Amino acid sequence: MGGIKFMNLLIRVDGSDEIGTGHVMRTFSIAEELIDRGHRVVFCSCLLLETLSERILNIGCEIAKLDGLIAGEGDLTQTLDVAEEYNIDTIILDGYTFGSNYLSALCEKYQLIFIDDEI
């Protein structure tokens, strides 16, 4: 019988004073549980408030900062590069700005969990 497989997970989310803080806090709660269970969690963001970054780092997660605009040109490419660099198994995506092409590209290489609270 095999043991538990610990995973490397990437959480792609953005949060500022104007947008996304709720998304970050929701994924923060998920990350806390994953860390408690022994998994590695990397937050990947174009925009992340310093106070949120500190909370994320304090629970044992890592942060990969993306350059450019949220869901702008280069976002997908950079996200895929980060996923490869950190040997990611699963991506958790939380936000309204990611289109179907973005989702499809992630699904081609990774298990994807997409959080959509508008359904």
Protein backbone atom coordinates (compact mmCIF):
# COMPACT_ATOMS: atom_id res chain seq x y z
CA MET A 1 0.00 0.00 0.00
CA GLY A 2 1.39 3.42 -0.98
CA GLY A 3 1.77 6.40 1.30
CA ILE A 4 0.37 9.85 0.91
CA LYS A 5 1.55 11.71 -2.18
CA PHE A 6 2.44 15.23 -1.24
CA MET A 7 1.70 17.69 -4.01
CA ASN A 8 3.07 20.97 -5.24
CA LEU A 9 0.17 23.36 -5.78
CA LEU A 10 0.10 26.76 -7.40
CA ILE A 11 -2.60 29.26 -6.49
CA ARG A 12 -3.09 31.88 -9.21
CA VAL A 13 -4.91 34.84 -7.65
CA ASP A 14 -4.57 38.62 -7.44
CA GLY A 15 -5.55 41.02 -4.69
CA SER A 16 -5.39 44.76 -4.14
CA ASP A 17 -7.40 47.43 -2.36
CA GLU A 18 -9.65 47.61 -5.42
CA ILE A 19 -10.03 43.98 -6.51
CA GLY A 20 -9.56 40.41 -5.43
CA THR A 21 -8.93 40.61 -1.69
CA GLY A 22 -11.81 38.19 -1.07
CA HIS A 23 -10.36 35.81 -3.64
CA VAL A 24 -6.99 35.91 -1.91
CA MET A 25 -8.54 35.30 1.52
CA ARG A 26 -10.56 32.36 0.20
CA THR A 27 -7.50 30.74 -1.35
CA PHE A 28 -5.49 31.60 1.79
CA SER A 29 -7.86 29.37 3.78
CA ILE A 30 -7.39 26.58 1.26
CA ALA A 31 -3.62 27.05 1.38
CA GLU A 32 -3.57 26.86 5.19
CA GLU A 33 -5.24 23.45 5.09
CA LEU A 34 -2.95 22.21 2.32
CA ILE A 35 0.16 23.34 4.23
CA ASP A 36 -1.15 21.65 7.40
CA ARG A 37 -1.44 18.43 5.40
CA GLY A 38 2.16 18.65 4.22
CA HIS A 39 1.71 19.97 0.68
CA ARG A 40 3.79 22.74 -0.89
CA VAL A 41 1.83 25.84 -1.94
CA VAL A 42 3.04 28.65 -4.19
CA PHE A 43 0.94 31.78 -4.68
CA CYS A 44 1.37 33.29 -8.13
CA SER A 45 0.18 36.89 -8.58
CA CYS A 46 0.50 40.01 -10.70
CA LEU A 47 -0.88 42.10 -7.88
CA LEU A 48 -0.75 41.30 -4.18
CA LEU A 49 -0.98 43.68 -1.22
CA GLU A 50 2.02 43.62 1.12
CA THR A 51 -0.20 42.73 4.08
CA LEU A 52 -1.58 39.72 2.17
CA SER A 53 1.92 38.69 1.09
CA GLU A 54 3.08 38.71 4.71
CA ARG A 55 0.17 36.51 5.81
CA ILE A 56 0.83 34.09 2.96
CA LEU A 57 4.53 33.82 3.81
CA ASN A 58 3.80 33.42 7.53
CA ILE A 59 1.88 30.17 6.98
CA GLY A 60 4.73 28.64 4.97
CA CYS A 61 3.70 29.36 1.39
CA GLU A 62 5.95 30.80 -1.28
CA ILE A 63 5.12 33.69 -3.61
CA ALA A 64 6.00 34.04 -7.29
CA LYS A 65 5.45 37.55 -8.63
CA LEU A 66 4.32 37.99 -12.22
CA ASP A 67 5.16 41.08 -14.29
CA GLY A 68 2.49 42.95 -16.20
CA LEU A 69 -1.25 43.28 -16.03
CA ILE A 70 -3.70 40.74 -14.63
CA ALA A 71 -4.67 38.35 -17.45
CA GLY A 72 -2.69 40.60 -19.79
CA GLU A 73 -0.18 39.59 -22.38
CA GLY A 74 2.45 37.40 -20.80
CA ASP A 75 0.34 36.41 -17.78
CA LEU A 76 -0.36 32.90 -19.08
CA THR A 77 3.20 32.34 -20.27
CA GLN A 78 4.63 33.51 -16.96
CA THR A 79 2.15 31.39 -15.00
CA LEU A 80 3.15 28.31 -16.99
CA ASP A 81 6.83 29.14 -16.45
CA VAL A 82 6.30 29.41 -12.68
CA ALA A 83 4.37 26.13 -12.66
CA GLU A 84 7.24 24.39 -14.43
CA GLU A 85 9.89 26.00 -12.20
CA TYR A 86 8.14 24.82 -9.02
CA ASN A 87 7.25 21.38 -10.43
CA ILE A 88 3.54 22.02 -9.92
CA ASP A 89 0.99 19.19 -9.95
CA THR A 90 -2.23 21.19 -9.59
CA ILE A 91 -3.22 24.81 -10.21
CA ILE A 92 -5.96 26.53 -8.25
CA LEU A 93 -7.28 29.53 -10.17
CA ASP A 94 -9.51 32.13 -8.50
CA GLY A 95 -10.58 35.27 -10.35
CA TYR A 96 -12.97 36.72 -12.90
CA THR A 97 -10.46 37.84 -15.52
CA PHE A 98 -9.27 34.48 -16.81
CA GLY A 99 -10.85 33.54 -20.14
CA SER A 100 -11.50 30.17 -21.73
CA ASN A 101 -8.18 30.15 -23.64
CA TYR A 102 -6.31 30.73 -20.38
CA LEU A 103 -8.18 27.87 -18.70
CA SER A 104 -7.68 25.53 -21.66
CA ALA A 105 -3.95 26.18 -21.79
CA LEU A 106 -3.59 25.37 -18.09
CA CYS A 107 -5.69 22.21 -18.43
CA GLU A 108 -3.41 20.90 -21.18
CA LYS A 109 -0.53 20.46 -18.72
CA TYR A 110 -1.95 20.53 -15.18
CA GLN A 111 -4.85 19.48 -13.03
CA LEU A 112 -6.91 22.64 -12.68
CA ILE A 113 -9.30 23.73 -9.96
CA PHE A 114 -11.18 26.84 -11.07
CA ILE A 115 -13.12 28.72 -8.42
CA ASP A 116 -16.06 30.61 -9.89
CA ASP A 117 -18.48 32.08 -7.37
CA GLU A 118 -20.72 33.53 -10.08
CA ILE A 119 -22.24 30.18 -11.05
